[in-house]
């Protein structure tokens, strides 16, 4: 079973890498965040160069896109939407802006939402 699970994980990692898709995960209970190597690379950073904090994406988000992006996330976390889909600009390490399509959704809810 572990071999199949390992292969499955490797499959998805390779598929996401080949598709140039960055992945992020935010645990609202603990505040812990994960940003994949490809997510960092899309913004010109090497693995481990960026702090994996919940406010990192907000720091990197273009000021004109922040309010809309935050509102989209808040609506989804409140259970008002099935998923998040927001186009926004994130700041590349070299200083230019990179347009991204951010898609996501709550994977698990507890009694409090």
PDB file of N, CA and C in Angstrom:
ATOM      1  N   UNK A   1       0.827  -1.193   0.000  1.00  0.00           N
ATOM      2  CA  UNK A   1       0.000   0.000   0.000  1.00  0.00           C
ATOM      3  C   UNK A   1       0.870   1.255   0.000  1.00  0.00           C
ATOM      4  N   UNK A   2       1.952   1.240   0.789  1.00  0.00           N
ATOM      5  CA  UNK A   2       2.834   2.409   0.860  1.00  0.00           C
ATOM      6  C   UNK A   2       3.465   2.686  -0.493  1.00  0.00           C
ATOM      7  N   UNK A   3       3.847   1.605  -1.227  1.00  0.00           N
ATOM      8  CA  UNK A   3       4.439   1.800  -2.553  1.00  0.00           C
ATOM      9  C   UNK A   3       3.467   2.489  -3.488  1.00  0.00           C
ATOM     10  N   UNK A   4       2.211   2.066  -3.460  1.00  0.00           N
ATOM     11  CA  UNK A   4       1.198   2.674  -4.323  1.00  0.00           C
ATOM     12  C   UNK A   4       0.993   4.142  -3.942  1.00  0.00           C
ATOM     13  N   UNK A   5       0.957   4.412  -2.644  1.00  0.00           N
ATOM     14  CA  UNK A   5       0.782   5.782  -2.166  1.00  0.00           C
ATOM     15  C   UNK A   5       1.969   6.649  -2.595  1.00  0.00           C
ATOM     16  N   UNK A   6       3.188   6.119  -2.469  1.00  0.00           N
ATOM     17  CA  UNK A   6       4.383   6.850  -2.896  1.00  0.00           C
ATOM     18  C   UNK A   6       4.346   7.127  -4.389  1.00  0.00           C
ATOM     19  N   UNK A   7       3.980   6.118  -5.182  1.00  0.00           N
ATOM     20  CA  UNK A   7       3.896   6.291  -6.646  1.00  0.00           C
ATOM     21  C   UNK A   7       2.841   7.312  -6.994  1.00  0.00           C
ATOM     22  N   UNK A   8       1.712   7.271  -6.310  1.00  0.00           N
ATOM     23  CA  UNK A   8       0.636   8.221  -6.572  1.00  0.00           C
ATOM     24  C   UNK A   8       1.106   9.642  -6.279  1.00  0.00           C
ATOM     25  N   UNK A   9       1.792   9.837  -5.166  1.00  0.00           N
ATOM     26  CA  UNK A   9       2.328  11.152  -4.824  1.00  0.00           C
ATOM     27  C   UNK A   9       3.334  11.633  -5.852  1.00  0.00           C
ATOM     28  N   UNK A  10       4.212  10.743  -6.292  1.00  0.00           N
ATOM     29  CA  UNK A  10       5.203  11.088  -7.314  1.00  0.00           C
ATOM     30  C   UNK A  10       4.516  11.427  -8.632  1.00  0.00           C
ATOM     31  N   UNK A  11       3.467  10.696  -8.969  1.00  0.00           N
ATOM     32  CA  UNK A  11       2.714  10.955 -10.200  1.00  0.00           C
ATOM     33  C   UNK A  11       2.160  12.371 -10.200  1.00  0.00           C
ATOM     34  N   UNK A  12       1.489  12.753  -9.107  1.00  0.00           N
ATOM     35  CA  UNK A  12       0.887  14.084  -9.038  1.00  0.00           C
ATOM     36  C   UNK A  12       1.940  15.181  -9.012  1.00  0.00           C
ATOM     37  N   UNK A  13       3.035  14.931  -8.324  1.00  0.00           N
ATOM     38  CA  UNK A  13       4.119  15.916  -8.283  1.00  0.00           C
ATOM     39  C   UNK A  13       4.676  16.151  -9.686  1.00  0.00           C
ATOM     40  N   UNK A  14       4.898  15.078 -10.423  1.00  0.00           N
ATOM     41  CA  UNK A  14       5.409  15.189 -11.791  1.00  0.00           C
ATOM     42  C   UNK A  14       4.391  15.856 -12.709  1.00  0.00           C
ATOM     43  N   UNK A  15       3.129  15.483 -12.579  1.00  0.00           N
ATOM     44  CA  UNK A  15       2.080  16.077 -13.423  1.00  0.00           C
ATOM     45  C   UNK A  15       1.982  17.581 -13.196  1.00  0.00           C
ATOM     46  N   UNK A  16       2.001  18.003 -11.954  1.00  0.00           N
ATOM     47  CA  UNK A  16       1.922  19.432 -11.643  1.00  0.00           C
ATOM     48  C   UNK A  16       3.153  20.173 -12.152  1.00  0.00           C
ATOM     49  N   UNK A  17       4.320  19.552 -12.004  1.00  0.00           N
ATOM     50  CA  UNK A  17       5.560  20.172 -12.479  1.00  0.00           C
ATOM     51  C   UNK A  17       5.534  20.343 -13.992  1.00  0.00           C
ATOM     52  N   UNK A  18       5.152  19.301 -14.711  1.00  0.00           N
ATOM     53  CA  UNK A  18       5.129  19.357 -16.181  1.00  0.00           C
ATOM     54  C   UNK A  18       4.087  20.339 -16.696  1.00  0.00           C
ATOM     55  N   UNK A  19       3.025  20.528 -15.941  1.00  0.00           N
ATOM     56  CA  UNK A  19       1.974  21.473 -16.333  1.00  0.00           C
ATOM     57  C   UNK A  19       2.298  22.894 -15.861  1.00  0.00           C
ATOM     58  N   UNK A  20       3.411  23.052 -15.149  1.00  0.00           N
ATOM     59  CA  UNK A  20       3.823  24.353 -14.597  1.00  0.00           C
ATOM     60  C   UNK A  20       2.737  24.941 -13.693  1.00  0.00           C
ATOM     61  N   UNK A  21       2.205  24.086 -12.831  1.00  0.00           N
ATOM     62  CA  UNK A  21       1.184  24.516 -11.883  1.00  0.00           C
ATOM     63  C   UNK A  21       1.775  24.564 -10.482  1.00  0.00           C
ATOM     64  N   UNK A  22       1.649  25.710  -9.856  1.00  0.00           N
ATOM     65  CA  UNK A  22       2.083  25.843  -8.476  1.00  0.00           C
ATOM     66  C   UNK A  22       0.952  25.455  -7.539  1.00  0.00           C
ATOM     67  N   UNK A  23       1.300  24.928  -6.396  1.00  0.00           N
ATOM     68  CA  UNK A  23       0.306  24.467  -5.432  1.00  0.00           C
ATOM     69  C   UNK A  23       0.591  25.120  -4.081  1.00  0.00           C
ATOM     70  N   UNK A  24      -0.481  25.497  -3.401  1.00  0.00           N
ATOM     71  CA  UNK A  24      -0.351  26.024  -2.050  1.00  0.00           C
ATOM     72  C   UNK A  24      -1.387  25.345  -1.170  1.00  0.00           C
ATOM     73  N   UNK A  25      -1.110  25.316   0.107  1.00  0.00           N
ATOM     74  CA  UNK A  25      -2.031  24.721   1.071  1.00  0.00           C
ATOM     75  C   UNK A  25      -1.949  25.539   2.355  1.00  0.00           C
ATOM     76  N   UNK A  26      -3.104  25.900   2.884  1.00  0.00           N
ATOM     77  CA  UNK A  26      -3.166  26.724   4.098  1.00  0.00           C
ATOM     78  C   UNK A  26      -4.074  26.028   5.093  1.00  0.00           C
ATOM     79  N   UNK A  27      -3.524  25.645   6.223  1.00  0.00           N
ATOM     80  CA  UNK A  27      -4.298  25.031   7.297  1.00  0.00           C
ATOM     81  C   UNK A  27      -4.805  26.154   8.193  1.00  0.00           C
ATOM     82  N   UNK A  28      -6.088  26.461   8.088  1.00  0.00           N
ATOM     83  CA  UNK A  28      -6.661  27.580   8.841  1.00  0.00           C
ATOM     84  C   UNK A  28      -6.636  27.350  10.349  1.00  0.00           C
ATOM     85  N   UNK A  29      -6.637  26.085  10.758  1.00  0.00           N
ATOM     86  CA  UNK A  29      -6.613  25.789  12.197  1.00  0.00           C
ATOM     87  C   UNK A  29      -5.268  26.143  12.819  1.00  0.00           C
ATOM     88  N   UNK A  30      -4.185  25.822  12.109  1.00  0.00           N
ATOM     89  CA  UNK A  30      -2.844  26.023  12.670  1.00  0.00           C
ATOM     90  C   UNK A  30      -2.146  27.260  12.110  1.00  0.00           C
ATOM     91  N   UNK A  31      -2.612  27.732  10.952  1.00  0.00           N
ATOM     92  CA  UNK A  31      -1.942  28.841  10.279  1.00  0.00           C
ATOM     93  C   UNK A  31      -0.780  28.393   9.416  1.00  0.00           C
ATOM     94  N   UNK A  32      -0.479  27.090   9.433  1.00  0.00           N
ATOM     95  CA  UNK A  32       0.627  26.561   8.635  1.00  0.00           C
ATOM     96  C   UNK A  32       0.323  26.666   7.147  1.00  0.00           C
ATOM     97  N   UNK A  33       1.351  26.996   6.378  1.00  0.00           N
ATOM     98  CA  UNK A  33       1.212  27.102   4.926  1.00  0.00           C
ATOM     99  C   UNK A  33       2.296  26.296   4.238  1.00  0.00           C
ATOM    100  N   UNK A  34       1.973  25.855   3.042  1.00  0.00           N
ATOM    101  CA  UNK A  34       2.926  25.166   2.182  1.00  0.00           C
ATOM    102  C   UNK A  34       2.796  25.774   0.796  1.00  0.00           C
ATOM    103  N   UNK A  35       3.920  26.098   0.188  1.00  0.00           N
ATOM    104  CA  UNK A  35       3.968  26.558  -1.198  1.00  0.00           C
ATOM    105  C   UNK A  35       4.904  25.608  -1.936  1.00  0.00           C
ATOM    106  N   UNK A  36       4.447  25.038  -3.044  1.00  0.00           N
ATOM    107  CA  UNK A  36       5.264  24.070  -3.767  1.00  0.00           C
ATOM    108  C   UNK A  36       6.477  24.737  -4.408  1.00  0.00           C
ATOM    109  N   UNK A  37       7.449  23.911  -4.766  1.00  0.00           N
ATOM    110  CA  UNK A  37       8.647  24.419  -5.438  1.00  0.00           C
ATOM    111  C   UNK A  37       8.268  25.138  -6.724  1.00  0.00           C
ATOM    112  N   UNK A  38       7.299  24.607  -7.474  1.00  0.00           N
ATOM    113  CA  UNK A  38       6.884  25.246  -8.725  1.00  0.00           C
ATOM    114  C   UNK A  38       6.224  26.593  -8.450  1.00  0.00           C
ATOM    115  N   UNK A  39       5.459  26.707  -7.384  1.00  0.00           N
ATOM    116  CA  UNK A  39       4.837  27.987  -7.024  1.00  0.00           C
ATOM    117  C   UNK A  39       5.935  29.026  -6.826  1.00  0.00           C
ATOM    118  N   UNK A  40       6.978  28.656  -6.093  1.00  0.00           N
ATOM    119  CA  UNK A  40       8.099  29.573  -5.856  1.00  0.00           C
ATOM    120  C   UNK A  40       8.844  29.887  -7.149  1.00  0.00           C
ATOM    121  N   UNK A  41       9.076  28.867  -7.962  1.00  0.00           N
ATOM    122  CA  UNK A  41       9.806  29.049  -9.222  1.00  0.00           C
ATOM    123  C   UNK A  41       9.074  29.981 -10.176  1.00  0.00           C
ATOM    124  N   UNK A  42       7.744  29.918 -10.200  1.00  0.00           N
ATOM    125  CA  UNK A  42       6.976  30.803 -11.079  1.00  0.00           C
ATOM    126  C   UNK A  42       7.240  32.265 -10.742  1.00  0.00           C
ATOM    127  N   UNK A  43       7.648  32.510  -9.507  1.00  0.00           N
ATOM    128  CA  UNK A  43       7.913  33.872  -9.053  1.00  0.00           C
ATOM    129  C   UNK A  43       9.409  34.159  -8.956  1.00  0.00           C
ATOM    130  N   UNK A  44      10.225  33.256  -9.502  1.00  0.00           N
ATOM    131  CA  UNK A  44      11.662  33.483  -9.570  1.00  0.00           C
ATOM    132  C   UNK A  44      12.445  33.088  -8.335  1.00  0.00           C
ATOM    133  N   UNK A  45      11.824  32.384  -7.417  1.00  0.00           N
ATOM    134  CA  UNK A  45      12.483  32.005  -6.171  1.00  0.00           C
ATOM    135  C   UNK A  45      12.855  30.530  -6.186  1.00  0.00           C
ATOM    136  N   UNK A  46      13.933  30.213  -5.497  1.00  0.00           N
ATOM    137  CA  UNK A  46      14.315  28.831  -5.302  1.00  0.00           C
ATOM    138  C   UNK A  46      13.575  28.251  -4.116  1.00  0.00           C
ATOM    139  N   UNK A  47      13.594  26.949  -4.034  1.00  0.00           N
ATOM    140  CA  UNK A  47      12.934  26.272  -2.923  1.00  0.00           C
ATOM    141  C   UNK A  47      13.562  26.723  -1.604  1.00  0.00           C
ATOM    142  N   UNK A  48      12.723  27.110  -0.657  1.00  0.00           N
ATOM    143  CA  UNK A  48      13.193  27.529   0.647  1.00  0.00           C
ATOM    144  C   UNK A  48      13.532  29.011   0.766  1.00  0.00           C
ATOM    145  N   UNK A  49      13.476  29.760  -0.338  1.00  0.00           N
ATOM    146  CA  UNK A  49      13.784  31.199  -0.278  1.00  0.00           C
ATOM    147  C   UNK A  49      12.649  32.023   0.312  1.00  0.00           C
ATOM    148  N   UNK A  50      11.444  31.523   0.225  1.00  0.00           N
ATOM    149  CA  UNK A  50      10.281  32.261   0.713  1.00  0.00           C
ATOM    150  C   UNK A  50       9.799  31.670   2.034  1.00  0.00           C
ATOM    151  N   UNK A  51       9.408  32.529   2.941  1.00  0.00           N
ATOM    152  CA  UNK A  51       8.841  32.067   4.211  1.00  0.00           C
ATOM    153  C   UNK A  51       7.468  31.472   3.937  1.00  0.00           C
ATOM    154  N   UNK A  52       7.200  30.313   4.480  1.00  0.00           N
ATOM    155  CA  UNK A  52       5.908  29.668   4.254  1.00  0.00           C
ATOM    156  C   UNK A  52       4.923  30.147   5.313  1.00  0.00           C
ATOM    157  N   UNK A  53       4.480  31.389   5.145  1.00  0.00           N
ATOM    158  CA  UNK A  53       3.533  31.996   6.074  1.00  0.00           C
ATOM    159  C   UNK A  53       2.225  32.281   5.354  1.00  0.00           C
ATOM    160  N   UNK A  54       1.162  32.420   6.125  1.00  0.00           N
ATOM    161  CA  UNK A  54      -0.157  32.638   5.527  1.00  0.00           C
ATOM    162  C   UNK A  54      -0.280  34.004   4.872  1.00  0.00           C
ATOM    163  N   UNK A  55       0.548  34.950   5.269  1.00  0.00           N
ATOM    164  CA  UNK A  55       0.436  36.279   4.660  1.00  0.00           C
ATOM    165  C   UNK A  55       1.420  36.502   3.512  1.00  0.00           C
ATOM    166  N   UNK A  56       2.213  35.487   3.156  1.00  0.00           N
ATOM    167  CA  UNK A  56       3.171  35.636   2.057  1.00  0.00           C
ATOM    168  C   UNK A  56       2.482  36.038   0.765  1.00  0.00           C
ATOM    169  N   UNK A  57       1.412  35.326   0.403  1.00  0.00           N
ATOM    170  CA  UNK A  57       0.752  35.629  -0.873  1.00  0.00           C
ATOM    171  C   UNK A  57       0.204  37.050  -0.871  1.00  0.00           C
ATOM    172  N   UNK A  58      -0.274  37.507   0.285  1.00  0.00           N
ATOM    173  CA  UNK A  58      -0.806  38.868   0.365  1.00  0.00           C
ATOM    174  C   UNK A  58       0.313  39.896   0.192  1.00  0.00           C
ATOM    175  N   UNK A  59       1.467  39.624   0.769  1.00  0.00           N
ATOM    176  CA  UNK A  59       2.618  40.514   0.602  1.00  0.00           C
ATOM    177  C   UNK A  59       3.042  40.595  -0.861  1.00  0.00           C
ATOM    178  N   UNK A  60       2.907  39.487  -1.586  1.00  0.00           N
ATOM    179  CA  UNK A  60       3.335  39.439  -2.986  1.00  0.00           C
ATOM    180  C   UNK A  60       2.248  39.890  -3.960  1.00  0.00           C
ATOM    181  N   UNK A  61       1.018  40.029  -3.487  1.00  0.00           N
ATOM    182  CA  UNK A  61      -0.104  40.401  -4.355  1.00  0.00           C
ATOM    183  C   UNK A  61      -0.069  41.889  -4.682  1.00  0.00           C
ATOM    184  N   UNK A  62      -0.332  42.201  -5.948  1.00  0.00           N
ATOM    185  CA  UNK A  62      -0.377  43.596  -6.401  1.00  0.00           C
ATOM    186  C   UNK A  62      -1.406  44.359  -5.561  1.00  0.00           C
ATOM    187  N   UNK A  63      -1.081  45.583  -5.133  1.00  0.00           N
ATOM    188  CA  UNK A  63      -2.015  46.355  -4.295  1.00  0.00           C
ATOM    189  C   UNK A  63      -3.411  46.508  -4.904  1.00  0.00           C
ATOM    190  N   UNK A  64      -3.495  46.620  -6.225  1.00  0.00           N
ATOM    191  CA  UNK A  64      -4.803  46.774  -6.871  1.00  0.00           C
ATOM    192  C   UNK A  64      -5.633  45.490  -6.863  1.00  0.00           C
ATOM    193  N   UNK A  65      -5.003  44.351  -6.570  1.00  0.00           N
ATOM    194  CA  UNK A  65      -5.699  43.059  -6.593  1.00  0.00           C
ATOM    195  C   UNK A  65      -6.015  42.527  -5.198  1.00  0.00           C
ATOM    196  N   UNK A  66      -5.434  43.119  -4.179  1.00  0.00           N
ATOM    197  CA  UNK A  66      -5.547  42.572  -2.817  1.00  0.00           C
ATOM    198  C   UNK A  66      -6.979  42.504  -2.305  1.00  0.00           C
ATOM    199  N   UNK A  67      -7.700  43.594  -2.396  1.00  0.00           N
ATOM    200  CA  UNK A  67      -9.054  43.631  -1.837  1.00  0.00           C
ATOM    201  C   UNK A  67      -9.938  42.560  -2.475  1.00  0.00           C
ATOM    202  N   UNK A  68      -9.865  42.439  -3.790  1.00  0.00           N
ATOM    203  CA  UNK A  68     -10.677  41.455  -4.509  1.00  0.00           C
ATOM    204  C   UNK A  68     -10.267  40.029  -4.139  1.00  0.00           C
ATOM    205  N   UNK A  69      -8.961  39.782  -4.046  1.00  0.00           N
ATOM    206  CA  UNK A  69      -8.473  38.445  -3.712  1.00  0.00           C
ATOM    207  C   UNK A  69      -8.868  38.052  -2.288  1.00  0.00           C
ATOM    208  N   UNK A  70      -8.713  38.968  -1.361  1.00  0.00           N
ATOM    209  CA  UNK A  70      -9.085  38.694   0.037  1.00  0.00           C
ATOM    210  C   UNK A  70     -10.585  38.439   0.143  1.00  0.00           C
ATOM    211  N   UNK A  71     -11.385  39.254  -0.532  1.00  0.00           N
ATOM    212  CA  UNK A  71     -12.848  39.094  -0.481  1.00  0.00           C
ATOM    213  C   UNK A  71     -13.263  37.737  -1.038  1.00  0.00           C
ATOM    214  N   UNK A  72     -12.618  37.304  -2.114  1.00  0.00           N
ATOM    215  CA  UNK A  72     -12.928  36.002  -2.704  1.00  0.00           C
ATOM    216  C   UNK A  72     -12.646  34.884  -1.704  1.00  0.00           C
ATOM    217  N   UNK A  73     -11.506  34.960  -1.037  1.00  0.00           N
ATOM    218  CA  UNK A  73     -11.161  33.956  -0.036  1.00  0.00           C
ATOM    219  C   UNK A  73     -12.100  33.971   1.150  1.00  0.00           C
ATOM    220  N   UNK A  74     -12.440  35.146   1.615  1.00  0.00           N
ATOM    221  CA  UNK A  74     -13.347  35.259   2.768  1.00  0.00           C
ATOM    222  C   UNK A  74     -14.731  34.703   2.452  1.00  0.00           C
ATOM    223  N   UNK A  75     -15.237  34.987   1.244  1.00  0.00           N
ATOM    224  CA  UNK A  75     -16.553  34.447   0.847  1.00  0.00           C
ATOM    225  C   UNK A  75     -16.521  32.923   0.837  1.00  0.00           C
ATOM    226  N   UNK A  76     -15.430  32.372   0.323  1.00  0.00           N
ATOM    227  CA  UNK A  76     -15.339  30.916   0.251  1.00  0.00           C
ATOM    228  C   UNK A  76     -15.197  30.297   1.641  1.00  0.00           C
ATOM    229  N   UNK A  77     -14.339  30.858   2.459  1.00  0.00           N
ATOM    230  CA  UNK A  77     -14.160  30.329   3.817  1.00  0.00           C
ATOM    231  C   UNK A  77     -15.469  30.390   4.598  1.00  0.00           C
ATOM    232  N   UNK A  78     -16.271  31.416   4.349  1.00  0.00           N
ATOM    233  CA  UNK A  78     -17.574  31.553   5.017  1.00  0.00           C
ATOM    234  C   UNK A  78     -18.610  30.576   4.472  1.00  0.00           C
ATOM    235  N   UNK A  79     -18.258  29.837   3.419  1.00  0.00           N
ATOM    236  CA  UNK A  79     -19.177  28.857   2.848  1.00  0.00           C
ATOM    237  C   UNK A  79     -20.145  29.424   1.834  1.00  0.00           C
ATOM    238  N   UNK A  80     -19.886  30.628   1.347  1.00  0.00           N
ATOM    239  CA  UNK A  80     -20.791  31.276   0.398  1.00  0.00           C
ATOM    240  C   UNK A  80     -20.527  30.879  -1.048  1.00  0.00           C
ATOM    241  N   UNK A  81     -19.369  30.288  -1.316  1.00  0.00           N
ATOM    242  CA  UNK A  81     -19.035  29.838  -2.669  1.00  0.00           C
ATOM    243  C   UNK A  81     -18.480  28.424  -2.602  1.00  0.00           C
ATOM    244  N   UNK A  82     -18.577  27.711  -3.727  1.00  0.00           N
ATOM    245  CA  UNK A  82     -18.069  26.341  -3.787  1.00  0.00           C
ATOM    246  C   UNK A  82     -16.554  26.281  -3.910  1.00  0.00           C
ATOM    247  N   UNK A  83     -15.959  27.329  -4.480  1.00  0.00           N
ATOM    248  CA  UNK A  83     -14.514  27.349  -4.685  1.00  0.00           C
ATOM    249  C   UNK A  83     -14.042  28.790  -4.852  1.00  0.00           C
ATOM    250  N   UNK A  84     -12.726  28.929  -4.946  1.00  0.00           N
ATOM    251  CA  UNK A  84     -12.099  30.226  -5.196  1.00  0.00           C
ATOM    252  C   UNK A  84     -11.550  30.201  -6.616  1.00  0.00           C
ATOM    253  N   UNK A  85     -11.782  31.266  -7.348  1.00  0.00           N
ATOM    254  CA  UNK A  85     -11.138  31.437  -8.648  1.00  0.00           C
ATOM    255  C   UNK A  85     -10.913  32.932  -8.836  1.00  0.00           C
ATOM    256  N   UNK A  86      -9.661  33.344  -8.751  1.00  0.00           N
ATOM    257  CA  UNK A  86      -9.316  34.758  -8.800  1.00  0.00           C
ATOM    258  C   UNK A  86      -8.082  34.963  -9.665  1.00  0.00           C
ATOM    259  N   UNK A  87      -8.150  35.906 -10.583  1.00  0.00           N
ATOM    260  CA  UNK A  87      -6.963  36.315 -11.332  1.00  0.00           C
ATOM    261  C   UNK A  87      -6.309  37.449 -10.563  1.00  0.00           C
ATOM    262  N   UNK A  88      -5.014  37.330 -10.358  1.00  0.00           N
ATOM    263  CA  UNK A  88      -4.296  38.367  -9.641  1.00  0.00           C
ATOM    264  C   UNK A  88      -2.842  38.398 -10.083  1.00  0.00           C
ATOM    265  N   UNK A  89      -2.181  39.482  -9.726  1.00  0.00           N
ATOM    266  CA  UNK A  89      -0.763  39.634 -10.041  1.00  0.00           C
ATOM    267  C   UNK A  89       0.053  39.409  -8.781  1.00  0.00           C
ATOM    268  N   UNK A  90       1.109  38.604  -8.935  1.00  0.00           N
ATOM    269  CA  UNK A  90       2.052  38.375  -7.846  1.00  0.00           C
ATOM    270  C   UNK A  90       3.411  38.922  -8.261  1.00  0.00           C
ATOM    271  N   UNK A  91       4.139  39.457  -7.309  1.00  0.00           N
ATOM    272  CA  UNK A  91       5.420  40.089  -7.604  1.00  0.00           C
ATOM    273  C   UNK A  91       6.523  39.046  -7.764  1.00  0.00           C
ATOM    274  N   UNK A  92       7.168  39.081  -8.909  1.00  0.00           N
ATOM    275  CA  UNK A  92       8.306  38.218  -9.217  1.00  0.00           C
ATOM    276  C   UNK A  92       9.527  38.726  -8.462  1.00  0.00           C
ATOM    277  N   UNK A  93      10.457  37.851  -8.186  1.00  0.00           N
ATOM    278  CA  UNK A  93      11.682  38.223  -7.480  1.00  0.00           C
ATOM    279  C   UNK A  93      12.414  39.371  -8.181  1.00  0.00           C
ATOM    280  N   UNK A  94      12.340  39.411  -9.513  1.00  0.00           N
ATOM    281  CA  UNK A  94      13.045  40.458 -10.261  1.00  0.00           C
ATOM    282  C   UNK A  94      12.292  41.786 -10.276  1.00  0.00           C
ATOM    283  N   UNK A  95      11.064  41.794  -9.720  1.00  0.00           N
ATOM    284  CA  UNK A  95      10.327  43.046  -9.581  1.00  0.00           C
ATOM    285  C   UNK A  95       9.132  43.219 -10.491  1.00  0.00           C
ATOM    286  N   UNK A  96       9.017  42.410 -11.551  1.00  0.00           N
ATOM    287  CA  UNK A  96       7.848  42.546 -12.424  1.00  0.00           C
ATOM    288  C   UNK A  96       6.677  41.727 -11.866  1.00  0.00           C
ATOM    289  N   UNK A  97       5.513  41.961 -12.454  1.00  0.00           N
ATOM    290  CA  UNK A  97       4.294  41.299 -11.979  1.00  0.00           C
ATOM    291  C   UNK A  97       3.959  40.117 -12.870  1.00  0.00           C
ATOM    292  N   UNK A  98       3.558  39.021 -12.249  1.00  0.00           N
ATOM    293  CA  UNK A  98       3.185  37.799 -12.952  1.00  0.00           C
ATOM    294  C   UNK A  98       1.695  37.572 -12.724  1.00  0.00           C
ATOM    295  N   UNK A  99       0.944  37.480 -13.826  1.00  0.00           N
ATOM    296  CA  UNK A  99      -0.482  37.177 -13.708  1.00  0.00           C
ATOM    297  C   UNK A  99      -0.655  35.698 -13.402  1.00  0.00           C
ATOM    298  N   UNK A 100      -1.474  35.383 -12.417  1.00  0.00           N
ATOM    299  CA  UNK A 100      -1.780  33.995 -12.086  1.00  0.00           C
ATOM    300  C   UNK A 100      -3.291  33.826 -11.952  1.00  0.00           C
ATOM    301  N   UNK A 101      -3.741  32.629 -12.217  1.00  0.00           N
ATOM    302  CA  UNK A 101      -5.125  32.254 -11.959  1.00  0.00           C
ATOM    303  C   UNK A 101      -5.090  31.369 -10.725  1.00  0.00           C
ATOM    304  N   UNK A 102      -5.622  31.865  -9.646  1.00  0.00           N
ATOM    305  CA  UNK A 102      -5.614  31.164  -8.368  1.00  0.00           C
ATOM    306  C   UNK A 102      -6.935  30.425  -8.221  1.00  0.00           C
ATOM    307  N   UNK A 103      -6.846  29.117  -8.129  1.00  0.00           N
ATOM    308  CA  UNK A 103      -8.036  28.287  -7.925  1.00  0.00           C
ATOM    309  C   UNK A 103      -7.824  27.461  -6.674  1.00  0.00           C
ATOM    310  N   UNK A 104      -8.874  27.305  -5.917  1.00  0.00           N
ATOM    311  CA  UNK A 104      -8.743  26.501  -4.717  1.00  0.00           C
ATOM    312  C   UNK A 104     -10.071  26.269  -4.048  1.00  0.00           C
ATOM    313  N   UNK A 105      -9.989  25.609  -2.928  1.00  0.00           N
ATOM    314  CA  UNK A 105     -11.197  25.340  -2.179  1.00  0.00           C
ATOM    315  C   UNK A 105     -10.881  24.689  -0.854  1.00  0.00           C
ATOM    316  N   UNK A 106     -11.811  24.810   0.038  1.00  0.00           N
ATOM    317  CA  UNK A 106     -11.684  24.170   1.341  1.00  0.00           C
ATOM    318  C   UNK A 106     -11.764  22.668   1.136  1.00  0.00           C
ATOM    319  N   UNK A 107     -10.806  21.961   1.699  1.00  0.00           N
ATOM    320  CA  UNK A 107     -10.757  20.510   1.568  1.00  0.00           C
ATOM    321  C   UNK A 107     -11.521  19.840   2.702  1.00  0.00           C
ATOM    322  N   UNK A 108     -11.490  20.461   3.864  1.00  0.00           N
ATOM    323  CA  UNK A 108     -12.134  19.862   5.031  1.00  0.00           C
ATOM    324  C   UNK A 108     -12.667  20.970   5.930  1.00  0.00           C
ATOM    325  N   UNK A 109     -13.884  20.798   6.403  1.00  0.00           N
ATOM    326  CA  UNK A 109     -14.483  21.755   7.342  1.00  0.00           C
ATOM    327  C   UNK A 109     -14.762  21.043   8.661  1.00  0.00           C
ATOM    328  N   UNK A 110     -14.690  21.810   9.746  1.00  0.00           N
ATOM    329  CA  UNK A 110     -15.052  21.255  11.048  1.00  0.00           C
ATOM    330  C   UNK A 110     -16.410  21.823  11.465  1.00  0.00           C
ATOM    331  N   UNK A 111     -16.810  21.600  12.693  1.00  0.00           N
ATOM    332  CA  UNK A 111     -18.123  22.054  13.165  1.00  0.00           C
ATOM    333  C   UNK A 111     -18.262  23.572  13.118  1.00  0.00           C
ATOM    334  N   UNK A 112     -17.144  24.275  13.164  1.00  0.00           N
ATOM    335  CA  UNK A 112     -17.167  25.736  13.125  1.00  0.00           C
ATOM    336  C   UNK A 112     -17.062  26.287  11.709  1.00  0.00           C
ATOM    337  N   UNK A 113     -16.999  25.438  10.736  1.00  0.00           N
ATOM    338  CA  UNK A 113     -16.946  25.896   9.351  1.00  0.00           C
ATOM    339  C   UNK A 113     -15.756  25.411   8.622  1.00  0.00           C
TER     340      UNK A 113
END
